Amino acid sequence: MKSVSSILKGLKVKTEKLLTLQEALHNDNAQLKLKVSILQTSLKSLEVSNSKLENEYKVLKLAQSISNTNDSLGSDNKKNLAIKLKINEFVREIDKCIAQLNR
């Protein structure tokens, strides 16, 4: 039968190991939380950049479309019709975006 002092020593050693492990896990958790925070900030930055690039692409596409319309169509009526169609297309796209924002 083990003596009480040897049992207490064993408990003390195990408790110290548990405390050391708990501290290491706490440190790891803090580091992981910091990494998550950094990655979330990076993701937000990339999303903003992506959104800006998408908007620029749409504007360039519209400008090119209008330019091509002006070059390829002969009469003013055809030009106006093509521009109106493009504007209607963008209005529908904006309505879709508004509908998604309202969800």
PDB file of N, CA and C in Angstrom:
ATOM      1  N   MET A   1       0.833  -1.178   0.000  1.00  0.00           N
ATOM      2  CA  MET A   1       0.000   0.000   0.000  1.00  0.00           C
ATOM      3  C   MET A   1       0.878   1.241   0.000  1.00  0.00           C
ATOM      4  N   LYS A   2       0.494   2.197  -0.834  1.00  0.00           N
ATOM      5  CA  LYS A   2       1.294   3.414  -0.948  1.00  0.00           C
ATOM      6  C   LYS A   2       1.034   4.317   0.242  1.00  0.00           C
ATOM      7  N   SER A   3       2.032   5.029   0.558  1.00  0.00           N
ATOM      8  CA  SER A   3       1.859   5.966   1.653  1.00  0.00           C
ATOM      9  C   SER A   3       1.179   7.235   1.141  1.00  0.00           C
ATOM     10  N   VAL A   4       0.619   7.961   2.049  1.00  0.00           N
ATOM     11  CA  VAL A   4      -0.101   9.191   1.715  1.00  0.00           C
ATOM     12  C   VAL A   4       0.854  10.204   1.083  1.00  0.00           C
ATOM     13  N   SER A   5       2.062  10.272   1.557  1.00  0.00           N
ATOM     14  CA  SER A   5       3.012  11.252   1.010  1.00  0.00           C
ATOM     15  C   SER A   5       3.382  10.924  -0.435  1.00  0.00           C
ATOM     16  N   SER A   6       3.514   9.653  -0.769  1.00  0.00           N
ATOM     17  CA  SER A   6       3.849   9.293  -2.147  1.00  0.00           C
ATOM     18  C   SER A   6       2.654   9.578  -3.075  1.00  0.00           C
ATOM     19  N   ILE A   7       1.450   9.371  -2.562  1.00  0.00           N
ATOM     20  CA  ILE A   7       0.257   9.688  -3.348  1.00  0.00           C
ATOM     21  C   ILE A   7       0.187  11.196  -3.589  1.00  0.00           C
ATOM     22  N   LEU A   8       0.480  11.982  -2.556  1.00  0.00           N
ATOM     23  CA  LEU A   8       0.457  13.439  -2.679  1.00  0.00           C
ATOM     24  C   LEU A   8       1.534  13.928  -3.652  1.00  0.00           C
ATOM     25  N   LYS A   9       2.708  13.312  -3.600  1.00  0.00           N
ATOM     26  CA  LYS A   9       3.771  13.690  -4.532  1.00  0.00           C
ATOM     27  C   LYS A   9       3.349  13.399  -5.964  1.00  0.00           C
ATOM     28  N   GLY A  10       2.735  12.234  -6.166  1.00  0.00           N
ATOM     29  CA  GLY A  10       2.248  11.874  -7.498  1.00  0.00           C
ATOM     30  C   GLY A  10       1.183  12.855  -7.986  1.00  0.00           C
ATOM     31  N   LEU A  11       0.270  13.224  -7.106  1.00  0.00           N
ATOM     32  CA  LEU A  11      -0.758  14.211  -7.450  1.00  0.00           C
ATOM     33  C   LEU A  11      -0.139  15.570  -7.774  1.00  0.00           C
ATOM     34  N   LYS A  12       0.884  15.947  -7.007  1.00  0.00           N
ATOM     35  CA  LYS A  12       1.549  17.232  -7.240  1.00  0.00           C
ATOM     36  C   LYS A  12       2.210  17.247  -8.613  1.00  0.00           C
ATOM     37  N   VAL A  13       2.890  16.162  -8.971  1.00  0.00           N
ATOM     38  CA  VAL A  13       3.559  16.072 -10.273  1.00  0.00           C
ATOM     39  C   VAL A  13       2.528  16.129 -11.399  1.00  0.00           C
ATOM     40  N   LYS A  14       1.442  15.375 -11.246  1.00  0.00           N
ATOM     41  CA  LYS A  14       0.394  15.367 -12.274  1.00  0.00           C
ATOM     42  C   LYS A  14      -0.278  16.735 -12.386  1.00  0.00           C
ATOM     43  N   THR A  15      -0.488  17.388 -11.273  1.00  0.00           N
ATOM     44  CA  THR A  15      -1.106  18.720 -11.283  1.00  0.00           C
ATOM     45  C   THR A  15      -0.201  19.715 -11.989  1.00  0.00           C
ATOM     46  N   GLU A  16       1.088  19.651 -11.713  1.00  0.00           N
ATOM     47  CA  GLU A  16       2.040  20.548 -12.367  1.00  0.00           C
ATOM     48  C   GLU A  16       2.058  20.310 -13.875  1.00  0.00           C
ATOM     49  N   LYS A  17       2.008  19.039 -14.289  1.00  0.00           N
ATOM     50  CA  LYS A  17       1.962  18.730 -15.714  1.00  0.00           C
ATOM     51  C   LYS A  17       0.701  19.290 -16.351  1.00  0.00           C
ATOM     52  N   LEU A  18      -0.425  19.130 -15.655  1.00  0.00           N
ATOM     53  CA  LEU A  18      -1.693  19.658 -16.173  1.00  0.00           C
ATOM     54  C   LEU A  18      -1.654  21.179 -16.293  1.00  0.00           C
ATOM     55  N   LEU A  19      -1.080  21.847 -15.309  1.00  0.00           N
ATOM     56  CA  LEU A  19      -0.988  23.308 -15.351  1.00  0.00           C
ATOM     57  C   LEU A  19      -0.082  23.772 -16.490  1.00  0.00           C
ATOM     58  N   THR A  20       1.018  23.045 -16.693  1.00  0.00           N
ATOM     59  CA  THR A  20       1.931  23.373 -17.797  1.00  0.00           C
ATOM     60  C   THR A  20       1.225  23.176 -19.141  1.00  0.00           C
ATOM     61  N   LEU A  21       0.516  22.071 -19.262  1.00  0.00           N
ATOM     62  CA  LEU A  21      -0.223  21.794 -20.487  1.00  0.00           C
ATOM     63  C   LEU A  21      -1.322  22.838 -20.710  1.00  0.00           C
ATOM     64  N   GLN A  22      -2.006  23.197 -19.652  1.00  0.00           N
ATOM     65  CA  GLN A  22      -3.074  24.198 -19.761  1.00  0.00           C
ATOM     66  C   GLN A  22      -2.512  25.545 -20.212  1.00  0.00           C
ATOM     67  N   GLU A  23      -1.367  25.926 -19.688  1.00  0.00           N
ATOM     68  CA  GLU A  23      -0.739  27.192 -20.085  1.00  0.00           C
ATOM     69  C   GLU A  23      -0.306  27.148 -21.553  1.00  0.00           C
ATOM     70  N   ALA A  24       0.254  26.011 -21.971  1.00  0.00           N
ATOM     71  CA  ALA A  24       0.671  25.868 -23.373  1.00  0.00           C
ATOM     72  C   ALA A  24      -0.544  25.955 -24.291  1.00  0.00           C
ATOM     73  N   LEU A  25      -1.635  25.301 -23.917  1.00  0.00           N
ATOM     74  CA  LEU A  25      -2.857  25.359 -24.727  1.00  0.00           C
ATOM     75  C   LEU A  25      -3.430  26.777 -24.758  1.00  0.00           C
ATOM     76  N   HIS A  26      -3.339  27.454 -23.643  1.00  0.00           N
ATOM     77  CA  HIS A  26      -3.814  28.845 -23.587  1.00  0.00           C
ATOM     78  C   HIS A  26      -3.000  29.727 -24.550  1.00  0.00           C
ATOM     79  N   ASN A  27      -1.692  29.532 -24.567  1.00  0.00           N
ATOM     80  CA  ASN A  27      -0.825  30.298 -25.470  1.00  0.00           C
ATOM     81  C   ASN A  27      -1.127  29.973 -26.938  1.00  0.00           C
ATOM     82  N   ASP A  28      -1.304  28.689 -27.222  1.00  0.00           N
ATOM     83  CA  ASP A  28      -1.649  28.279 -28.591  1.00  0.00           C
ATOM     84  C   ASP A  28      -2.974  28.903 -29.018  1.00  0.00           C
ATOM     85  N   ASN A  29      -3.940  28.899 -28.121  1.00  0.00           N
ATOM     86  CA  ASN A  29      -5.253  29.477 -28.415  1.00  0.00           C
ATOM     87  C   ASN A  29      -5.134  30.971 -28.720  1.00  0.00           C
ATOM     88  N   ALA A  30      -4.337  31.673 -27.940  1.00  0.00           N
ATOM     89  CA  ALA A  30      -4.142  33.108 -28.161  1.00  0.00           C
ATOM     90  C   ALA A  30      -3.501  33.363 -29.527  1.00  0.00           C
ATOM     91  N   GLN A  31      -2.509  32.546 -29.880  1.00  0.00           N
ATOM     92  CA  GLN A  31      -1.853  32.695 -31.182  1.00  0.00           C
ATOM     93  C   GLN A  31      -2.831  32.421 -32.320  1.00  0.00           C
ATOM     94  N   LEU A  32      -3.653  31.401 -32.164  1.00  0.00           N
ATOM     95  CA  LEU A  32      -4.628  31.071 -33.205  1.00  0.00           C
ATOM     96  C   LEU A  32      -5.683  32.178 -33.348  1.00  0.00           C
ATOM     97  N   LYS A  33      -6.100  32.756 -32.244  1.00  0.00           N
ATOM     98  CA  LYS A  33      -7.056  33.865 -32.304  1.00  0.00           C
ATOM     99  C   LYS A  33      -6.450  35.057 -33.030  1.00  0.00           C
ATOM    100  N   LEU A  34      -5.174  35.310 -32.797  1.00  0.00           N
ATOM    101  CA  LEU A  34      -4.491  36.403 -33.482  1.00  0.00           C
ATOM    102  C   LEU A  34      -4.420  36.133 -34.980  1.00  0.00           C
ATOM    103  N   LYS A  35      -4.099  34.891 -35.360  1.00  0.00           N
ATOM    104  CA  LYS A  35      -4.041  34.530 -36.775  1.00  0.00           C
ATOM    105  C   LYS A  35      -5.406  34.682 -37.433  1.00  0.00           C
ATOM    106  N   VAL A  36      -6.461  34.274 -36.736  1.00  0.00           N
ATOM    107  CA  VAL A  36      -7.817  34.407 -37.275  1.00  0.00           C
ATOM    108  C   VAL A  36      -8.137  35.882 -37.505  1.00  0.00           C
ATOM    109  N   SER A  37      -7.789  36.699 -36.557  1.00  0.00           N
ATOM    110  CA  SER A  37      -8.045  38.137 -36.680  1.00  0.00           C
ATOM    111  C   SER A  37      -7.303  38.733 -37.877  1.00  0.00           C
ATOM    112  N   ILE A  38      -6.056  38.351 -38.037  1.00  0.00           N
ATOM    113  CA  ILE A  38      -5.253  38.845 -39.162  1.00  0.00           C
ATOM    114  C   ILE A  38      -5.845  38.372 -40.481  1.00  0.00           C
ATOM    115  N   LEU A  39      -6.235  37.112 -40.540  1.00  0.00           N
ATOM    116  CA  LEU A  39      -6.814  36.574 -41.769  1.00  0.00           C
ATOM    117  C   LEU A  39      -8.161  37.217 -42.092  1.00  0.00           C
ATOM    118  N   GLN A  40      -8.959  37.512 -41.079  1.00  0.00           N
ATOM    119  CA  GLN A  40     -10.236  38.179 -41.316  1.00  0.00           C
ATOM    120  C   GLN A  40     -10.013  39.582 -41.865  1.00  0.00           C
ATOM    121  N   THR A  41      -9.042  40.289 -41.326  1.00  0.00           N
ATOM    122  CA  THR A  41      -8.720  41.624 -41.825  1.00  0.00           C
ATOM    123  C   THR A  41      -8.241  41.554 -43.269  1.00  0.00           C
ATOM    124  N   SER A  42      -7.392  40.590 -43.560  1.00  0.00           N
ATOM    125  CA  SER A  42      -6.892  40.401 -44.918  1.00  0.00           C
ATOM    126  C   SER A  42      -8.032  40.063 -45.872  1.00  0.00           C
ATOM    127  N   LEU A  43      -8.938  39.207 -45.438  1.00  0.00           N
ATOM    128  CA  LEU A  43     -10.080  38.827 -46.261  1.00  0.00           C
ATOM    129  C   LEU A  43     -10.961  40.034 -46.570  1.00  0.00           C
ATOM    130  N   LYS A  44     -11.230  40.852 -45.566  1.00  0.00           N
ATOM    131  CA  LYS A  44     -12.042  42.055 -45.792  1.00  0.00           C
ATOM    132  C   LYS A  44     -11.363  42.979 -46.794  1.00  0.00           C
ATOM    133  N   SER A  45     -10.063  43.137 -46.661  1.00  0.00           N
ATOM    134  CA  SER A  45      -9.313  43.982 -47.585  1.00  0.00           C
ATOM    135  C   SER A  45      -9.396  43.445 -49.010  1.00  0.00           C
ATOM    136  N   LEU A  46      -9.246  42.144 -49.155  1.00  0.00           N
ATOM    137  CA  LEU A  46      -9.330  41.532 -50.481  1.00  0.00           C
ATOM    138  C   LEU A  46     -10.736  41.636 -51.062  1.00  0.00           C
ATOM    139  N   GLU A  47     -11.760  41.527 -50.215  1.00  0.00           N
ATOM    140  CA  GLU A  47     -13.136  41.666 -50.691  1.00  0.00           C
ATOM    141  C   GLU A  47     -13.393  43.087 -51.195  1.00  0.00           C
ATOM    142  N   VAL A  48     -12.879  44.085 -50.478  1.00  0.00           N
ATOM    143  CA  VAL A  48     -13.036  45.473 -50.914  1.00  0.00           C
ATOM    144  C   VAL A  48     -12.311  45.687 -52.238  1.00  0.00           C
ATOM    145  N   SER A  49     -11.107  45.177 -52.332  1.00  0.00           N
ATOM    146  CA  SER A  49     -10.331  45.300 -53.569  1.00  0.00           C
ATOM    147  C   SER A  49     -11.045  44.608 -54.723  1.00  0.00           C
ATOM    148  N   ASN A  50     -11.579  43.427 -54.470  1.00  0.00           N
ATOM    149  CA  ASN A  50     -12.303  42.684 -55.496  1.00  0.00           C
ATOM    150  C   ASN A  50     -13.533  43.464 -55.956  1.00  0.00           C
ATOM    151  N   SER A  51     -14.243  44.037 -55.015  1.00  0.00           N
ATOM    152  CA  SER A  51     -15.439  44.813 -55.346  1.00  0.00           C
ATOM    153  C   SER A  51     -15.076  46.019 -56.216  1.00  0.00           C
ATOM    154  N   LYS A  52     -14.001  46.699 -55.871  1.00  0.00           N
ATOM    155  CA  LYS A  52     -13.560  47.849 -56.663  1.00  0.00           C
ATOM    156  C   LYS A  52     -13.193  47.418 -58.084  1.00  0.00           C
ATOM    157  N   LEU A  53     -12.479  46.308 -58.188  1.00  0.00           N
ATOM    158  CA  LEU A  53     -12.079  45.822 -59.506  1.00  0.00           C
ATOM    159  C   LEU A  53     -13.287  45.402 -60.336  1.00  0.00           C
ATOM    160  N   GLU A  54     -14.270  44.776 -59.699  1.00  0.00           N
ATOM    161  CA  GLU A  54     -15.486  44.396 -60.419  1.00  0.00           C
ATOM    162  C   GLU A  54     -16.220  45.630 -60.939  1.00  0.00           C
ATOM    163  N   ASN A  55     -16.286  46.662 -60.106  1.00  0.00           N
ATOM    164  CA  ASN A  55     -16.944  47.899 -60.539  1.00  0.00           C
ATOM    165  C   ASN A  55     -16.191  48.548 -61.702  1.00  0.00           C
ATOM    166  N   GLU A  56     -14.874  48.571 -61.607  1.00  0.00           N
ATOM    167  CA  GLU A  56     -14.073  49.135 -62.691  1.00  0.00           C
ATOM    168  C   GLU A  56     -14.285  48.338 -63.979  1.00  0.00           C
ATOM    169  N   TYR A  57     -14.350  47.012 -63.842  1.00  0.00           N
ATOM    170  CA  TYR A  57     -14.560  46.153 -65.002  1.00  0.00           C
ATOM    171  C   TYR A  57     -15.914  46.455 -65.651  1.00  0.00           C
ATOM    172  N   LYS A  58     -16.947  46.622 -64.851  1.00  0.00           N
ATOM    173  CA  LYS A  58     -18.274  46.924 -65.388  1.00  0.00           C
ATOM    174  C   LYS A  58     -18.280  48.271 -66.103  1.00  0.00           C
ATOM    175  N   VAL A  59     -17.605  49.256 -65.516  1.00  0.00           N
ATOM    176  CA  VAL A  59     -17.548  50.574 -66.142  1.00  0.00           C
ATOM    177  C   VAL A  59     -16.802  50.495 -67.470  1.00  0.00           C
ATOM    178  N   LEU A  60     -15.671  49.789 -67.474  1.00  0.00           N
ATOM    179  CA  LEU A  60     -14.909  49.640 -68.713  1.00  0.00           C
ATOM    180  C   LEU A  60     -15.710  48.880 -69.766  1.00  0.00           C
ATOM    181  N   LYS A  61     -16.428  47.863 -69.330  1.00  0.00           N
ATOM    182  CA  LYS A  61     -17.253  47.097 -70.242  1.00  0.00           C
ATOM    183  C   LYS A  61     -18.353  47.974 -70.837  1.00  0.00           C
ATOM    184  N   LEU A  62     -18.972  48.805 -69.999  1.00  0.00           N
ATOM    185  CA  LEU A  62     -20.000  49.720 -70.474  1.00  0.00           C
ATOM    186  C   LEU A  62     -19.411  50.735 -71.447  1.00  0.00           C
ATOM    187  N   ALA A  63     -18.264  51.298 -71.092  1.00  0.00           N
ATOM    188  CA  ALA A  63     -17.624  52.281 -71.964  1.00  0.00           C
ATOM    189  C   ALA A  63     -17.271  51.656 -73.311  1.00  0.00           C
ATOM    190  N   GLN A  64     -16.755  50.452 -73.280  1.00  0.00           N
ATOM    191  CA  GLN A  64     -16.405  49.769 -74.525  1.00  0.00           C
ATOM    192  C   GLN A  64     -17.661  49.465 -75.328  1.00  0.00           C
ATOM    193  N   SER A  65     -18.696  49.064 -74.628  1.00  0.00           N
ATOM    194  CA  SER A  65     -19.956  48.750 -75.308  1.00  0.00           C
ATOM    195  C   SER A  65     -20.536  49.988 -75.984  1.00  0.00           C
ATOM    196  N   ILE A  66     -20.509  51.092 -75.270  1.00  0.00           N
ATOM    197  CA  ILE A  66     -21.015  52.345 -75.844  1.00  0.00           C
ATOM    198  C   ILE A  66     -20.142  52.778 -77.012  1.00  0.00           C
ATOM    199  N   SER A  67     -18.825  52.625 -76.851  1.00  0.00           N
ATOM    200  CA  SER A  67     -17.900  52.988 -77.918  1.00  0.00           C
ATOM    201  C   SER A  67     -18.146  52.121 -79.150  1.00  0.00           C
ATOM    202  N   ASN A  68     -18.302  50.818 -78.934  1.00  0.00           N
ATOM    203  CA  ASN A  68     -18.572  49.915 -80.054  1.00  0.00           C
ATOM    204  C   ASN A  68     -19.909  50.223 -80.693  1.00  0.00           C
ATOM    205  N   THR A  69     -20.879  50.592 -79.881  1.00  0.00           N
ATOM    206  CA  THR A  69     -22.201  50.945 -80.397  1.00  0.00           C
ATOM    207  C   THR A  69     -22.094  52.174 -81.288  1.00  0.00           C
ATOM    208  N   ASN A  70     -21.336  53.147 -80.837  1.00  0.00           N
ATOM    209  CA  ASN A  70     -21.169  54.372 -81.617  1.00  0.00           C
ATOM    210  C   ASN A  70     -20.436  54.106 -82.928  1.00  0.00           C
ATOM    211  N   ASP A  71     -19.477  53.193 -82.893  1.00  0.00           N
ATOM    212  CA  ASP A  71     -18.698  52.902 -84.092  1.00  0.00           C
ATOM    213  C   ASP A  71     -19.485  52.073 -85.107  1.00  0.00           C
ATOM    214  N   SER A  72     -20.286  51.115 -84.594  1.00  0.00           N
ATOM    215  CA  SER A  72     -20.901  50.159 -85.495  1.00  0.00           C
ATOM    216  C   SER A  72     -22.263  50.585 -86.020  1.00  0.00           C
ATOM    217  N   LEU A  73     -22.970  51.429 -85.322  1.00  0.00           N
ATOM    218  CA  LEU A  73     -24.306  51.812 -85.765  1.00  0.00           C
ATOM    219  C   LEU A  73     -24.236  53.097 -86.577  1.00  0.00           C
ATOM    220  N   GLY A  74     -25.008  53.132 -87.631  1.00  0.00           N
ATOM    221  CA  GLY A  74     -24.949  54.292 -88.517  1.00  0.00           C
ATOM    222  C   GLY A  74     -25.844  55.435 -88.095  1.00  0.00           C
ATOM    223  N   SER A  75     -27.063  55.178 -87.747  1.00  0.00           N
ATOM    224  CA  SER A  75     -28.007  56.266 -87.497  1.00  0.00           C
ATOM    225  C   SER A  75     -28.098  56.580 -86.009  1.00  0.00           C
ATOM    226  N   ASP A  76     -28.572  57.794 -85.715  1.00  0.00           N
ATOM    227  CA  ASP A  76     -28.726  58.215 -84.327  1.00  0.00           C
ATOM    228  C   ASP A  76     -29.792  57.401 -83.604  1.00  0.00           C
ATOM    229  N   ASN A  77     -30.836  57.008 -84.311  1.00  0.00           N
ATOM    230  CA  ASN A  77     -31.899  56.220 -83.689  1.00  0.00           C
ATOM    231  C   ASN A  77     -31.372  54.869 -83.207  1.00  0.00           C
ATOM    232  N   LYS A  78     -30.533  54.237 -84.006  1.00  0.00           N
ATOM    233  CA  LYS A  78     -29.965  52.946 -83.611  1.00  0.00           C
ATOM    234  C   LYS A  78     -29.038  53.119 -82.416  1.00  0.00           C
ATOM    235  N   LYS A  79     -28.267  54.203 -82.421  1.00  0.00           N
ATOM    236  CA  LYS A  79     -27.364  54.474 -81.297  1.00  0.00           C
ATOM    237  C   LYS A  79     -28.169  54.677 -80.022  1.00  0.00           C
ATOM    238  N   ASN A  80     -29.202  55.482 -80.105  1.00  0.00           N
ATOM    239  CA  ASN A  80     -30.027  55.756 -78.932  1.00  0.00           C
ATOM    240  C   ASN A  80     -30.697  54.481 -78.417  1.00  0.00           C
ATOM    241  N   LEU A  81     -31.171  53.663 -79.325  1.00  0.00           N
ATOM    242  CA  LEU A  81     -31.822  52.418 -78.936  1.00  0.00           C
ATOM    243  C   LEU A  81     -30.831  51.489 -78.222  1.00  0.00           C
ATOM    244  N   ALA A  82     -29.648  51.371 -78.776  1.00  0.00           N
ATOM    245  CA  ALA A  82     -28.630  50.504 -78.168  1.00  0.00           C
ATOM    246  C   ALA A  82     -28.252  51.016 -76.781  1.00  0.00           C
ATOM    247  N   ILE A  83     -28.103  52.320 -76.649  1.00  0.00           N
ATOM    248  CA  ILE A  83     -27.749  52.902 -75.347  1.00  0.00           C
ATOM    249  C   ILE A  83     -28.886  52.683 -74.355  1.00  0.00           C
ATOM    250  N   LYS A  84     -30.125  52.870 -74.802  1.00  0.00           N
ATOM    251  CA  LYS A  84     -31.268  52.647 -73.915  1.00  0.00           C
ATOM    252  C   LYS A  84     -31.320  51.191 -73.457  1.00  0.00           C
ATOM    253  N   LEU A  85     -31.034  50.279 -74.371  1.00  0.00           N
ATOM    254  CA  LEU A  85     -31.027  48.868 -73.999  1.00  0.00           C
ATOM    255  C   LEU A  85     -29.950  48.573 -72.946  1.00  0.00           C
ATOM    256  N   LYS A  86     -28.785  49.158 -73.124  1.00  0.00           N
ATOM    257  CA  LYS A  86     -27.702  48.972 -72.152  1.00  0.00           C
ATOM    258  C   LYS A  86     -28.091  49.567 -70.805  1.00  0.00           C
ATOM    259  N   ILE A  87     -28.692  50.749 -70.825  1.00  0.00           N
ATOM    260  CA  ILE A  87     -29.113  51.384 -69.577  1.00  0.00           C
ATOM    261  C   ILE A  87     -30.160  50.514 -68.888  1.00  0.00           C
ATOM    262  N   ASN A  88     -31.093  49.981 -69.649  1.00  0.00           N
ATOM    263  CA  ASN A  88     -32.107  49.099 -69.073  1.00  0.00           C
ATOM    264  C   ASN A  88     -31.466  47.850 -68.461  1.00  0.00           C
ATOM    265  N   GLU A  89     -30.457  47.347 -69.124  1.00  0.00           N
ATOM    266  CA  GLU A  89     -29.745  46.177 -68.598  1.00  0.00           C
ATOM    267  C   GLU A  89     -29.102  46.497 -67.251  1.00  0.00           C
ATOM    268  N   PHE A  90     -28.486  47.666 -67.161  1.00  0.00           N
ATOM    269  CA  PHE A  90     -27.854  48.066 -65.905  1.00  0.00           C
ATOM    270  C   PHE A  90     -28.895  48.343 -64.827  1.00  0.00           C
ATOM    271  N   VAL A  91     -30.025  48.900 -65.195  1.00  0.00           N
ATOM    272  CA  VAL A  91     -31.086  49.140 -64.213  1.00  0.00           C
ATOM    273  C   VAL A  91     -31.580  47.810 -63.657  1.00  0.00           C
ATOM    274  N   ARG A  92     -31.746  46.809 -64.501  1.00  0.00           N
ATOM    275  CA  ARG A  92     -32.154  45.483 -64.026  1.00  0.00           C
ATOM    276  C   ARG A  92     -31.095  44.897 -63.084  1.00  0.00           C
ATOM    277  N   GLU A  93     -29.825  45.085 -63.427  1.00  0.00           N
ATOM    278  CA  GLU A  93     -28.743  44.593 -62.579  1.00  0.00           C
ATOM    279  C   GLU A  93     -28.756  45.287 -61.221  1.00  0.00           C
ATOM    280  N   ILE A  94     -28.988  46.599 -61.229  1.00  0.00           N
ATOM    281  CA  ILE A  94     -29.059  47.360 -59.977  1.00  0.00           C
ATOM    282  C   ILE A  94     -30.251  46.887 -59.154  1.00  0.00           C
ATOM    283  N   ASP A  95     -31.393  46.644 -59.799  1.00  0.00           N
ATOM    284  CA  ASP A  95     -32.566  46.146 -59.081  1.00  0.00           C
ATOM    285  C   ASP A  95     -32.280  44.800 -58.432  1.00  0.00           C
ATOM    286  N   LYS A  96     -31.552  43.934 -59.120  1.00  0.00           N
ATOM    287  CA  LYS A  96     -31.186  42.643 -58.546  1.00  0.00           C
ATOM    288  C   LYS A  96     -30.310  42.836 -57.300  1.00  0.00           C
ATOM    289  N   CYS A  97     -29.357  43.760 -57.401  1.00  0.00           N
ATOM    290  CA  CYS A  97     -28.466  44.034 -56.271  1.00  0.00           C
ATOM    291  C   CYS A  97     -29.257  44.566 -55.076  1.00  0.00           C
ATOM    292  N   ILE A  98     -30.188  45.469 -55.331  1.00  0.00           N
ATOM    293  CA  ILE A  98     -31.005  46.032 -54.261  1.00  0.00           C
ATOM    294  C   ILE A  98     -31.837  44.929 -53.611  1.00  0.00           C
ATOM    295  N   ALA A  99     -32.397  44.046 -54.438  1.00  0.00           N
ATOM    296  CA  ALA A  99     -33.189  42.939 -53.908  1.00  0.00           C
ATOM    297  C   ALA A  99     -32.337  42.041 -53.010  1.00  0.00           C
ATOM    298  N   GLN A 100     -31.085  41.799 -53.408  1.00  0.00           N
ATOM    299  CA  GLN A 100     -30.202  40.967 -52.590  1.00  0.00           C
ATOM    300  C   GLN A 100     -29.844  41.662 -51.283  1.00  0.00           C
ATOM    301  N   LEU A 101     -29.672  42.980 -51.325  1.00  0.00           N
ATOM    302  CA  LEU A 101     -29.347  43.723 -50.123  1.00  0.00           C
ATOM    303  C   LEU A 101     -30.525  43.742 -49.138  1.00  0.00           C
ATOM    304  N   ASN A 102     -31.729  43.703 -49.663  1.00  0.00           N
ATOM    305  CA  ASN A 102     -32.909  43.745 -48.802  1.00  0.00           C
ATOM    306  C   ASN A 102     -33.212  42.400 -48.147  1.00  0.00           C
ATOM    307  N   ARG A 103     -32.550  41.331 -48.564  1.00  0.00           N
ATOM    308  CA  ARG A 103     -32.797  40.004 -47.967  1.00  0.00           C
ATOM    309  C   ARG A 103     -32.310  39.935 -46.552  1.00  0.00           C
TER     310      ARG A 103
END
